[in-house]
Amino acid sequence: MKALKRLWRGEVPLADAIWNWAIFGGLAINLGTMGLFLWLLSADRPIAAFILGYAFSIPYNIVVTVGVWRSAGRFTGEQRWADLARIATPVWMLILTII
């Protein structure tokens, strides 16, 4: 939980925020919840599927997007990398939420 708070505050290095939290963590959380969603749908529980399928992924995606945005604001390297992170992360999180 402490690491998630650090991410939310933008205290995580930008590369770590993108690779570990957005890309790898985003895939793990969103594919896991997608599997849960599909399993509950196949069990004829559409309301539970909708609620549980998005209960973890959407909050996670929001926290990661905010965390990457804030980490990009503290990034001391080339500004284009911070700008790219601020553009790519919300797009990536939206794609993961939709699939």
PDB file of N, CA and C in Angstrom:
ATOM      1  N   MET A   1       0.813  -1.193   0.000  1.00  0.00           N
ATOM      2  CA  MET A   1       0.000   0.000   0.000  1.00  0.00           C
ATOM      3  C   MET A   1       0.861   1.263   0.000  1.00  0.00           C
ATOM      4  N   LYS A   2       2.008   1.162   0.691  1.00  0.00           N
ATOM      5  CA  LYS A   2       2.927   2.295   0.753  1.00  0.00           C
ATOM      6  C   LYS A   2       3.453   2.641  -0.647  1.00  0.00           C
ATOM      7  N   ALA A   3       3.755   1.623  -1.436  1.00  0.00           N
ATOM      8  CA  ALA A   3       4.254   1.850  -2.794  1.00  0.00           C
ATOM      9  C   ALA A   3       3.186   2.511  -3.659  1.00  0.00           C
ATOM     10  N   LEU A   4       1.939   2.118  -3.467  1.00  0.00           N
ATOM     11  CA  LEU A   4       0.847   2.715  -4.223  1.00  0.00           C
ATOM     12  C   LEU A   4       0.660   4.185  -3.851  1.00  0.00           C
ATOM     13  N   LYS A   5       0.836   4.505  -2.585  1.00  0.00           N
ATOM     14  CA  LYS A   5       0.767   5.907  -2.145  1.00  0.00           C
ATOM     15  C   LYS A   5       1.901   6.728  -2.755  1.00  0.00           C
ATOM     16  N   ARG A   6       3.088   6.122  -2.804  1.00  0.00           N
ATOM     17  CA  ARG A   6       4.226   6.821  -3.415  1.00  0.00           C
ATOM     18  C   ARG A   6       3.959   7.078  -4.900  1.00  0.00           C
ATOM     19  N   LEU A   7       3.368   6.085  -5.563  1.00  0.00           N
ATOM     20  CA  LEU A   7       3.022   6.254  -6.972  1.00  0.00           C
ATOM     21  C   LEU A   7       2.016   7.387  -7.127  1.00  0.00           C
ATOM     22  N   TRP A   8       0.969   7.379  -6.333  1.00  0.00           N
ATOM     23  CA  TRP A   8      -0.083   8.401  -6.410  1.00  0.00           C
ATOM     24  C   TRP A   8       0.506   9.811  -6.239  1.00  0.00           C
ATOM     25  N   ARG A   9       1.467   9.943  -5.348  1.00  0.00           N
ATOM     26  CA  ARG A   9       2.081  11.253  -5.099  1.00  0.00           C
ATOM     27  C   ARG A   9       3.133  11.621  -6.148  1.00  0.00           C
ATOM     28  N   GLY A  10       3.451  10.701  -7.055  1.00  0.00           N
ATOM     29  CA  GLY A  10       4.441  10.989  -8.083  1.00  0.00           C
ATOM     30  C   GLY A  10       5.859  10.860  -7.599  1.00  0.00           C
ATOM     31  N   GLU A  11       6.071  10.125  -6.514  1.00  0.00           N
ATOM     32  CA  GLU A  11       7.399   9.971  -5.929  1.00  0.00           C
ATOM     33  C   GLU A  11       8.176   8.807  -6.528  1.00  0.00           C
ATOM     34  N   VAL A  12       7.576   8.090  -7.446  1.00  0.00           N
ATOM     35  CA  VAL A  12       8.214   6.950  -8.108  1.00  0.00           C
ATOM     36  C   VAL A  12       8.931   7.472  -9.350  1.00  0.00           C
ATOM     37  N   PRO A  13      10.155   7.011  -9.624  1.00  0.00           N
ATOM     38  CA  PRO A  13      10.832   7.439 -10.856  1.00  0.00           C
ATOM     39  C   PRO A  13       9.951   7.142 -12.078  1.00  0.00           C
ATOM     40  N   LEU A  14      10.024   8.010 -13.053  1.00  0.00           N
ATOM     41  CA  LEU A  14       9.140   7.908 -14.213  1.00  0.00           C
ATOM     42  C   LEU A  14       9.258   6.559 -14.912  1.00  0.00           C
ATOM     43  N   ALA A  15      10.459   6.066 -15.115  1.00  0.00           N
ATOM     44  CA  ALA A  15      10.627   4.776 -15.797  1.00  0.00           C
ATOM     45  C   ALA A  15       9.954   3.650 -15.009  1.00  0.00           C
ATOM     46  N   ASP A  16      10.077   3.671 -13.706  1.00  0.00           N
ATOM     47  CA  ASP A  16       9.437   2.666 -12.854  1.00  0.00           C
ATOM     48  C   ASP A  16       7.918   2.798 -12.929  1.00  0.00           C
ATOM     49  N   ALA A  17       7.418   4.017 -12.879  1.00  0.00           N
ATOM     50  CA  ALA A  17       5.972   4.248 -12.953  1.00  0.00           C
ATOM     51  C   ALA A  17       5.399   3.724 -14.263  1.00  0.00           C
ATOM     52  N   ILE A  18       6.127   3.945 -15.350  1.00  0.00           N
ATOM     53  CA  ILE A  18       5.616   3.500 -16.650  1.00  0.00           C
ATOM     54  C   ILE A  18       5.734   1.991 -16.796  1.00  0.00           C
ATOM     55  N   TRP A  19       6.943   1.468 -16.633  1.00  0.00           N
ATOM     56  CA  TRP A  19       7.163   0.049 -16.922  1.00  0.00           C
ATOM     57  C   TRP A  19       6.526  -0.871 -15.893  1.00  0.00           C
ATOM     58  N   ASN A  20       6.788  -0.636 -14.622  1.00  0.00           N
ATOM     59  CA  ASN A  20       6.304  -1.553 -13.594  1.00  0.00           C
ATOM     60  C   ASN A  20       4.824  -1.368 -13.272  1.00  0.00           C
ATOM     61  N   TRP A  21       4.387  -0.132 -13.192  1.00  0.00           N
ATOM     62  CA  TRP A  21       3.008   0.129 -12.781  1.00  0.00           C
ATOM     63  C   TRP A  21       2.046   0.178 -13.960  1.00  0.00           C
ATOM     64  N   ALA A  22       2.382   0.938 -15.002  1.00  0.00           N
ATOM     65  CA  ALA A  22       1.441   1.109 -16.115  1.00  0.00           C
ATOM     66  C   ALA A  22       1.436  -0.097 -17.050  1.00  0.00           C
ATOM     67  N   ILE A  23       2.595  -0.502 -17.516  1.00  0.00           N
ATOM     68  CA  ILE A  23       2.624  -1.562 -18.526  1.00  0.00           C
ATOM     69  C   ILE A  23       2.432  -2.936 -17.897  1.00  0.00           C
ATOM     70  N   PHE A  24       3.363  -3.368 -17.044  1.00  0.00           N
ATOM     71  CA  PHE A  24       3.271  -4.725 -16.485  1.00  0.00           C
ATOM     72  C   PHE A  24       2.129  -4.861 -15.484  1.00  0.00           C
ATOM     73  N   GLY A  25       2.039  -3.922 -14.550  1.00  0.00           N
ATOM     74  CA  GLY A  25       0.945  -3.964 -13.572  1.00  0.00           C
ATOM     75  C   GLY A  25      -0.409  -3.784 -14.228  1.00  0.00           C
ATOM     76  N   GLY A  26      -0.469  -2.870 -15.196  1.00  0.00           N
ATOM     77  CA  GLY A  26      -1.729  -2.650 -15.916  1.00  0.00           C
ATOM     78  C   GLY A  26      -2.197  -3.891 -16.646  1.00  0.00           C
ATOM     79  N   LEU A  27      -1.268  -4.569 -17.300  1.00  0.00           N
ATOM     80  CA  LEU A  27      -1.628  -5.825 -17.983  1.00  0.00           C
ATOM     81  C   LEU A  27      -2.117  -6.869 -16.989  1.00  0.00           C
ATOM     82  N   ALA A  28      -1.399  -7.030 -15.891  1.00  0.00           N
ATOM     83  CA  ALA A  28      -1.767  -8.054 -14.906  1.00  0.00           C
ATOM     84  C   ALA A  28      -3.145  -7.782 -14.310  1.00  0.00           C
ATOM     85  N   ILE A  29      -3.374  -6.566 -13.854  1.00  0.00           N
ATOM     86  CA  ILE A  29      -4.656  -6.231 -13.232  1.00  0.00           C
ATOM     87  C   ILE A  29      -5.791  -6.329 -14.240  1.00  0.00           C
ATOM     88  N   ASN A  30      -5.611  -5.745 -15.409  1.00  0.00           N
ATOM     89  CA  ASN A  30      -6.701  -5.700 -16.385  1.00  0.00           C
ATOM     90  C   ASN A  30      -6.985  -7.057 -17.021  1.00  0.00           C
ATOM     91  N   LEU A  31      -5.965  -7.861 -17.269  1.00  0.00           N
ATOM     92  CA  LEU A  31      -6.222  -9.207 -17.798  1.00  0.00           C
ATOM     93  C   LEU A  31      -6.857 -10.091 -16.728  1.00  0.00           C
ATOM     94  N   GLY A  32      -6.427  -9.911 -15.485  1.00  0.00           N
ATOM     95  CA  GLY A  32      -7.038 -10.671 -14.390  1.00  0.00           C
ATOM     96  C   GLY A  32      -8.512 -10.333 -14.207  1.00  0.00           C
ATOM     97  N   THR A  33      -8.830  -9.056 -14.217  1.00  0.00           N
ATOM     98  CA  THR A  33     -10.229  -8.674 -14.058  1.00  0.00           C
ATOM     99  C   THR A  33     -11.048  -9.040 -15.294  1.00  0.00           C
ATOM    100  N   MET A  34     -10.420  -9.045 -16.458  1.00  0.00           N
ATOM    101  CA  MET A  34     -11.129  -9.486 -17.657  1.00  0.00           C
ATOM    102  C   MET A  34     -11.484 -10.966 -17.541  1.00  0.00           C
ATOM    103  N   GLY A  35     -10.558 -11.765 -17.027  1.00  0.00           N
ATOM    104  CA  GLY A  35     -10.837 -13.184 -16.818  1.00  0.00           C
ATOM    105  C   GLY A  35     -11.973 -13.383 -15.828  1.00  0.00           C
ATOM    106  N   LEU A  36     -11.963 -12.627 -14.754  1.00  0.00           N
ATOM    107  CA  LEU A  36     -13.044 -12.686 -13.775  1.00  0.00           C
ATOM    108  C   LEU A  36     -14.368 -12.276 -14.407  1.00  0.00           C
ATOM    109  N   PHE A  37     -14.335 -11.222 -15.189  1.00  0.00           N
ATOM    110  CA  PHE A  37     -15.521 -10.733 -15.892  1.00  0.00           C
ATOM    111  C   PHE A  37     -16.100 -11.827 -16.792  1.00  0.00           C
ATOM    112  N   LEU A  38     -15.250 -12.447 -17.599  1.00  0.00           N
ATOM    113  CA  LEU A  38     -15.718 -13.493 -18.515  1.00  0.00           C
ATOM    114  C   LEU A  38     -16.225 -14.720 -17.768  1.00  0.00           C
ATOM    115  N   TRP A  39     -15.554 -15.080 -16.681  1.00  0.00           N
ATOM    116  CA  TRP A  39     -15.985 -16.234 -15.893  1.00  0.00           C
ATOM    117  C   TRP A  39     -17.367 -15.991 -15.286  1.00  0.00           C
ATOM    118  N   LEU A  40     -17.573 -14.793 -14.738  1.00  0.00           N
ATOM    119  CA  LEU A  40     -18.871 -14.475 -14.149  1.00  0.00           C
ATOM    120  C   LEU A  40     -19.965 -14.377 -15.214  1.00  0.00           C
ATOM    121  N   LEU A  41     -19.615 -13.868 -16.376  1.00  0.00           N
ATOM    122  CA  LEU A  41     -20.595 -13.837 -17.474  1.00  0.00           C
ATOM    123  C   LEU A  41     -20.998 -15.247 -17.877  1.00  0.00           C
ATOM    124  N   SER A  42     -20.036 -16.144 -17.969  1.00  0.00           N
ATOM    125  CA  SER A  42     -20.348 -17.525 -18.348  1.00  0.00           C
ATOM    126  C   SER A  42     -21.150 -18.233 -17.266  1.00  0.00           C
ATOM    127  N   ALA A  43     -21.059 -17.756 -16.030  1.00  0.00           N
ATOM    128  CA  ALA A  43     -21.843 -18.309 -14.930  1.00  0.00           C
ATOM    129  C   ALA A  43     -23.205 -17.621 -14.819  1.00  0.00           C
ATOM    130  N   ASP A  44     -23.549 -16.835 -15.836  1.00  0.00           N
ATOM    131  CA  ASP A  44     -24.829 -16.121 -15.916  1.00  0.00           C
ATOM    132  C   ASP A  44     -25.031 -15.161 -14.742  1.00  0.00           C
ATOM    133  N   ARG A  45     -23.976 -14.415 -14.454  1.00  0.00           N
ATOM    134  CA  ARG A  45     -24.017 -13.401 -13.407  1.00  0.00           C
ATOM    135  C   ARG A  45     -23.531 -12.071 -13.983  1.00  0.00           C
ATOM    136  N   PRO A  46     -24.327 -11.469 -14.875  1.00  0.00           N
ATOM    137  CA  PRO A  46     -23.856 -10.267 -15.579  1.00  0.00           C
ATOM    138  C   PRO A  46     -23.650  -9.049 -14.685  1.00  0.00           C
ATOM    139  N   ILE A  47     -24.473  -8.879 -13.672  1.00  0.00           N
ATOM    140  CA  ILE A  47     -24.307  -7.716 -12.804  1.00  0.00           C
ATOM    141  C   ILE A  47     -23.042  -7.862 -11.965  1.00  0.00           C
ATOM    142  N   ALA A  48     -22.832  -9.041 -11.395  1.00  0.00           N
ATOM    143  CA  ALA A  48     -21.603  -9.293 -10.631  1.00  0.00           C
ATOM    144  C   ALA A  48     -20.384  -9.171 -11.540  1.00  0.00           C
ATOM    145  N   ALA A  49     -20.509  -9.644 -12.774  1.00  0.00           N
ATOM    146  CA  ALA A  49     -19.397  -9.548 -13.732  1.00  0.00           C
ATOM    147  C   ALA A  49     -19.029  -8.096 -13.974  1.00  0.00           C
ATOM    148  N   PHE A  50     -20.028  -7.274 -14.181  1.00  0.00           N
ATOM    149  CA  PHE A  50     -19.770  -5.860 -14.442  1.00  0.00           C
ATOM    150  C   PHE A  50     -19.138  -5.184 -13.227  1.00  0.00           C
ATOM    151  N   ILE A  51     -19.699  -5.429 -12.059  1.00  0.00           N
ATOM    152  CA  ILE A  51     -19.197  -4.778 -10.844  1.00  0.00           C
ATOM    153  C   ILE A  51     -17.783  -5.252 -10.505  1.00  0.00           C
ATOM    154  N   LEU A  52     -17.591  -6.565 -10.407  1.00  0.00           N
ATOM    155  CA  LEU A  52     -16.275  -7.089 -10.028  1.00  0.00           C
ATOM    156  C   LEU A  52     -15.255  -6.966 -11.155  1.00  0.00           C
ATOM    157  N   GLY A  53     -15.723  -7.042 -12.379  1.00  0.00           N
ATOM    158  CA  GLY A  53     -14.809  -6.944 -13.506  1.00  0.00           C
ATOM    159  C   GLY A  53     -14.138  -5.588 -13.621  1.00  0.00           C
ATOM    160  N   TYR A  54     -14.818  -4.561 -13.110  1.00  0.00           N
ATOM    161  CA  TYR A  54     -14.260  -3.219 -13.204  1.00  0.00           C
ATOM    162  C   TYR A  54     -13.913  -2.611 -11.844  1.00  0.00           C
ATOM    163  N   ALA A  55     -14.240  -3.299 -10.759  1.00  0.00           N
ATOM    164  CA  ALA A  55     -14.012  -2.750  -9.420  1.00  0.00           C
ATOM    165  C   ALA A  55     -12.541  -2.555  -9.099  1.00  0.00           C
ATOM    166  N   PHE A  56     -11.673  -3.365  -9.684  1.00  0.00           N
ATOM    167  CA  PHE A  56     -10.240  -3.242  -9.428  1.00  0.00           C
ATOM    168  C   PHE A  56      -9.526  -2.515 -10.556  1.00  0.00           C
ATOM    169  N   SER A  57      -9.930  -2.794 -11.781  1.00  0.00           N
ATOM    170  CA  SER A  57      -9.176  -2.251 -12.907  1.00  0.00           C
ATOM    171  C   SER A  57      -9.341  -0.740 -13.063  1.00  0.00           C
ATOM    172  N   ILE A  58     -10.540  -0.232 -12.946  1.00  0.00           N
ATOM    173  CA  ILE A  58     -10.725   1.204 -13.149  1.00  0.00           C
ATOM    174  C   ILE A  58     -10.022   2.033 -12.068  1.00  0.00           C
ATOM    175  N   PRO A  59     -10.195   1.730 -10.782  1.00  0.00           N
ATOM    176  CA  PRO A  59      -9.428   2.504  -9.783  1.00  0.00           C
ATOM    177  C   PRO A  59      -7.916   2.380  -9.972  1.00  0.00           C
ATOM    178  N   TYR A  60      -7.448   1.177 -10.296  1.00  0.00           N
ATOM    179  CA  TYR A  60      -6.016   0.985 -10.539  1.00  0.00           C
ATOM    180  C   TYR A  60      -5.564   1.861 -11.702  1.00  0.00           C
ATOM    181  N   ASN A  61      -6.313   1.852 -12.788  1.00  0.00           N
ATOM    182  CA  ASN A  61      -5.947   2.628 -13.971  1.00  0.00           C
ATOM    183  C   ASN A  61      -5.921   4.119 -13.668  1.00  0.00           C
ATOM    184  N   ILE A  62      -6.843   4.580 -12.853  1.00  0.00           N
ATOM    185  CA  ILE A  62      -6.864   6.002 -12.481  1.00  0.00           C
ATOM    186  C   ILE A  62      -5.644   6.350 -11.638  1.00  0.00           C
ATOM    187  N   VAL A  63      -5.345   5.526 -10.640  1.00  0.00           N
ATOM    188  CA  VAL A  63      -4.183   5.777  -9.769  1.00  0.00           C
ATOM    189  C   VAL A  63      -2.894   5.788 -10.586  1.00  0.00           C
ATOM    190  N   VAL A  64      -2.749   4.833 -11.484  1.00  0.00           N
ATOM    191  CA  VAL A  64      -1.536   4.756 -12.308  1.00  0.00           C
ATOM    192  C   VAL A  64      -1.427   5.968 -13.227  1.00  0.00           C
ATOM    193  N   THR A  65      -2.516   6.353 -13.842  1.00  0.00           N
ATOM    194  CA  THR A  65      -2.476   7.512 -14.740  1.00  0.00           C
ATOM    195  C   THR A  65      -2.076   8.771 -13.985  1.00  0.00           C
ATOM    196  N   VAL A  66      -2.666   8.992 -12.823  1.00  0.00           N
ATOM    197  CA  VAL A  66      -2.314  10.160 -12.005  1.00  0.00           C
ATOM    198  C   VAL A  66      -0.862  10.062 -11.540  1.00  0.00           C
ATOM    199  N   GLY A  67      -0.442   8.868 -11.123  1.00  0.00           N
ATOM    200  CA  GLY A  67       0.926   8.683 -10.657  1.00  0.00           C
ATOM    201  C   GLY A  67       1.963   8.939 -11.734  1.00  0.00           C
ATOM    202  N   VAL A  68       1.708   8.428 -12.930  1.00  0.00           N
ATOM    203  CA  VAL A  68       2.641   8.669 -14.038  1.00  0.00           C
ATOM    204  C   VAL A  68       2.659  10.158 -14.378  1.00  0.00           C
ATOM    205  N   TRP A  69       1.504  10.795 -14.391  1.00  0.00           N
ATOM    206  CA  TRP A  69       1.421  12.229 -14.694  1.00  0.00           C
ATOM    207  C   TRP A  69       2.256  13.033 -13.696  1.00  0.00           C
ATOM    208  N   ARG A  70       2.114  12.698 -12.436  1.00  0.00           N
ATOM    209  CA  ARG A  70       2.869  13.423 -11.403  1.00  0.00           C
ATOM    210  C   ARG A  70       4.358  13.090 -11.449  1.00  0.00           C
ATOM    211  N   SER A  71       4.694  11.842 -11.724  1.00  0.00           N
ATOM    212  CA  SER A  71       6.105  11.466 -11.870  1.00  0.00           C
ATOM    213  C   SER A  71       6.731  12.184 -13.057  1.00  0.00           C
ATOM    214  N   ALA A  72       5.966  12.340 -14.117  1.00  0.00           N
ATOM    215  CA  ALA A  72       6.461  13.065 -15.295  1.00  0.00           C
ATOM    216  C   ALA A  72       6.738  14.530 -14.947  1.00  0.00           C
ATOM    217  N   GLY A  73       5.952  15.078 -14.045  1.00  0.00           N
ATOM    218  CA  GLY A  73       6.174  16.459 -13.612  1.00  0.00           C
ATOM    219  C   GLY A  73       7.471  16.633 -12.830  1.00  0.00           C
ATOM    220  N   ARG A  74       7.944  15.569 -12.214  1.00  0.00           N
ATOM    221  CA  ARG A  74       9.190  15.621 -11.438  1.00  0.00           C
ATOM    222  C   ARG A  74      10.397  15.118 -12.227  1.00  0.00           C
ATOM    223  N   PHE A  75      10.152  14.639 -13.420  1.00  0.00           N
ATOM    224  CA  PHE A  75      11.212  14.045 -14.229  1.00  0.00           C
ATOM    225  C   PHE A  75      12.239  15.108 -14.597  1.00  0.00           C
ATOM    226  N   THR A  76      13.525  14.796 -14.405  1.00  0.00           N
ATOM    227  CA  THR A  76      14.581  15.782 -14.663  1.00  0.00           C
ATOM    228  C   THR A  76      15.310  15.537 -15.983  1.00  0.00           C
ATOM    229  N   GLY A  77      14.929  14.495 -16.701  1.00  0.00           N
ATOM    230  CA  GLY A  77      15.562  14.202 -17.988  1.00  0.00           C
ATOM    231  C   GLY A  77      14.950  15.036 -19.097  1.00  0.00           C
ATOM    232  N   GLU A  78      15.080  14.519 -20.309  1.00  0.00           N
ATOM    233  CA  GLU A  78      14.538  15.225 -21.471  1.00  0.00           C
ATOM    234  C   GLU A  78      13.024  15.350 -21.356  1.00  0.00           C
ATOM    235  N   GLN A  79      12.545  16.551 -21.584  1.00  0.00           N
ATOM    236  CA  GLN A  79      11.123  16.844 -21.429  1.00  0.00           C
ATOM    237  C   GLN A  79      10.244  16.018 -22.367  1.00  0.00           C
ATOM    238  N   ARG A  80      10.765  15.632 -23.505  1.00  0.00           N
ATOM    239  CA  ARG A  80       9.953  14.872 -24.459  1.00  0.00           C
ATOM    240  C   ARG A  80       9.532  13.521 -23.887  1.00  0.00           C
ATOM    241  N   TRP A  81      10.354  12.923 -23.009  1.00  0.00           N
ATOM    242  CA  TRP A  81       9.989  11.640 -22.400  1.00  0.00           C
ATOM    243  C   TRP A  81       8.847  11.818 -21.409  1.00  0.00           C
ATOM    244  N   ALA A  82       8.891  12.899 -20.664  1.00  0.00           N
ATOM    245  CA  ALA A  82       7.797  13.192 -19.736  1.00  0.00           C
ATOM    246  C   ALA A  82       6.510  13.474 -20.498  1.00  0.00           C
ATOM    247  N   ASP A  83       6.623  14.231 -21.578  1.00  0.00           N
ATOM    248  CA  ASP A  83       5.449  14.530 -22.401  1.00  0.00           C
ATOM    249  C   ASP A  83       4.867  13.262 -23.022  1.00  0.00           C
ATOM    250  N   LEU A  84       5.742  12.404 -23.517  1.00  0.00           N
ATOM    251  CA  LEU A  84       5.291  11.148 -24.106  1.00  0.00           C
ATOM    252  C   LEU A  84       4.593  10.277 -23.059  1.00  0.00           C
ATOM    253  N   ALA A  85       5.127  10.238 -21.850  1.00  0.00           N
ATOM    254  CA  ALA A  85       4.497   9.466 -20.773  1.00  0.00           C
ATOM    255  C   ALA A  85       3.118  10.014 -20.448  1.00  0.00           C
ATOM    256  N   ARG A  86       2.977  11.321 -20.469  1.00  0.00           N
ATOM    257  CA  ARG A  86       1.685  11.949 -20.162  1.00  0.00           C
ATOM    258  C   ARG A  86       0.655  11.722 -21.263  1.00  0.00           C
ATOM    259  N   ILE A  87       1.113  11.468 -22.454  1.00  0.00           N
ATOM    260  CA  ILE A  87       0.190  11.176 -23.558  1.00  0.00           C
ATOM    261  C   ILE A  87      -0.112   9.685 -23.626  1.00  0.00           C
ATOM    262  N   ALA A  88       0.930   8.869 -23.555  1.00  0.00           N
ATOM    263  CA  ALA A  88       0.772   7.427 -23.784  1.00  0.00           C
ATOM    264  C   ALA A  88       0.058   6.705 -22.639  1.00  0.00           C
ATOM    265  N   THR A  89       0.305   7.106 -21.407  1.00  0.00           N
ATOM    266  CA  THR A  89      -0.269   6.369 -20.276  1.00  0.00           C
ATOM    267  C   THR A  89      -1.794   6.435 -20.241  1.00  0.00           C
ATOM    268  N   PRO A  90      -2.425   7.596 -20.372  1.00  0.00           N
ATOM    269  CA  PRO A  90      -3.890   7.588 -20.381  1.00  0.00           C
ATOM    270  C   PRO A  90      -4.470   6.785 -21.550  1.00  0.00           C
ATOM    271  N   VAL A  91      -3.817   6.851 -22.698  1.00  0.00           N
ATOM    272  CA  VAL A  91      -4.279   6.070 -23.848  1.00  0.00           C
ATOM    273  C   VAL A  91      -4.163   4.579 -23.542  1.00  0.00           C
ATOM    274  N   TRP A  92      -3.036   4.159 -22.992  1.00  0.00           N
ATOM    275  CA  TRP A  92      -2.810   2.755 -22.651  1.00  0.00           C
ATOM    276  C   TRP A  92      -3.826   2.274 -21.607  1.00  0.00           C
ATOM    277  N   MET A  93      -4.057   3.078 -20.582  1.00  0.00           N
ATOM    278  CA  MET A  93      -5.008   2.692 -19.544  1.00  0.00           C
ATOM    279  C   MET A  93      -6.425   2.601 -20.101  1.00  0.00           C
ATOM    280  N   LEU A  94      -6.773   3.489 -21.015  1.00  0.00           N
ATOM    281  CA  LEU A  94      -8.094   3.437 -21.646  1.00  0.00           C
ATOM    282  C   LEU A  94      -8.234   2.164 -22.482  1.00  0.00           C
ATOM    283  N   ILE A  95      -7.215   1.834 -23.229  1.00  0.00           N
ATOM    284  CA  ILE A  95      -7.243   0.606 -24.028  1.00  0.00           C
ATOM    285  C   ILE A  95      -7.405  -0.622 -23.124  1.00  0.00           C
ATOM    286  N   LEU A  96      -6.655  -0.660 -22.036  1.00  0.00           N
ATOM    287  CA  LEU A  96      -6.766  -1.794 -21.116  1.00  0.00           C
ATOM    288  C   LEU A  96      -8.142  -1.861 -20.464  1.00  0.00           C
ATOM    289  N   THR A  97      -8.740  -0.721 -20.196  1.00  0.00           N
ATOM    290  CA  THR A  97     -10.075  -0.702 -19.592  1.00  0.00           C
ATOM    291  C   THR A  97     -11.121  -1.212 -20.564  1.00  0.00           C
ATOM    292  N   ILE A  98     -10.960  -0.882 -21.831  1.00  0.00           N
ATOM    293  CA  ILE A  98     -11.954  -1.261 -22.836  1.00  0.00           C
ATOM    294  C   ILE A  98     -11.901  -2.749 -23.150  1.00  0.00           C
ATOM    295  N   ILE A  99     -10.677  -3.323 -23.197  1.00  0.00           N
ATOM    296  CA  ILE A  99     -10.605  -4.742 -23.584  1.00  0.00           C
ATOM    297  C   ILE A  99     -11.005  -5.671 -22.496  1.00  0.00           C
TER     298      ILE A  99
END
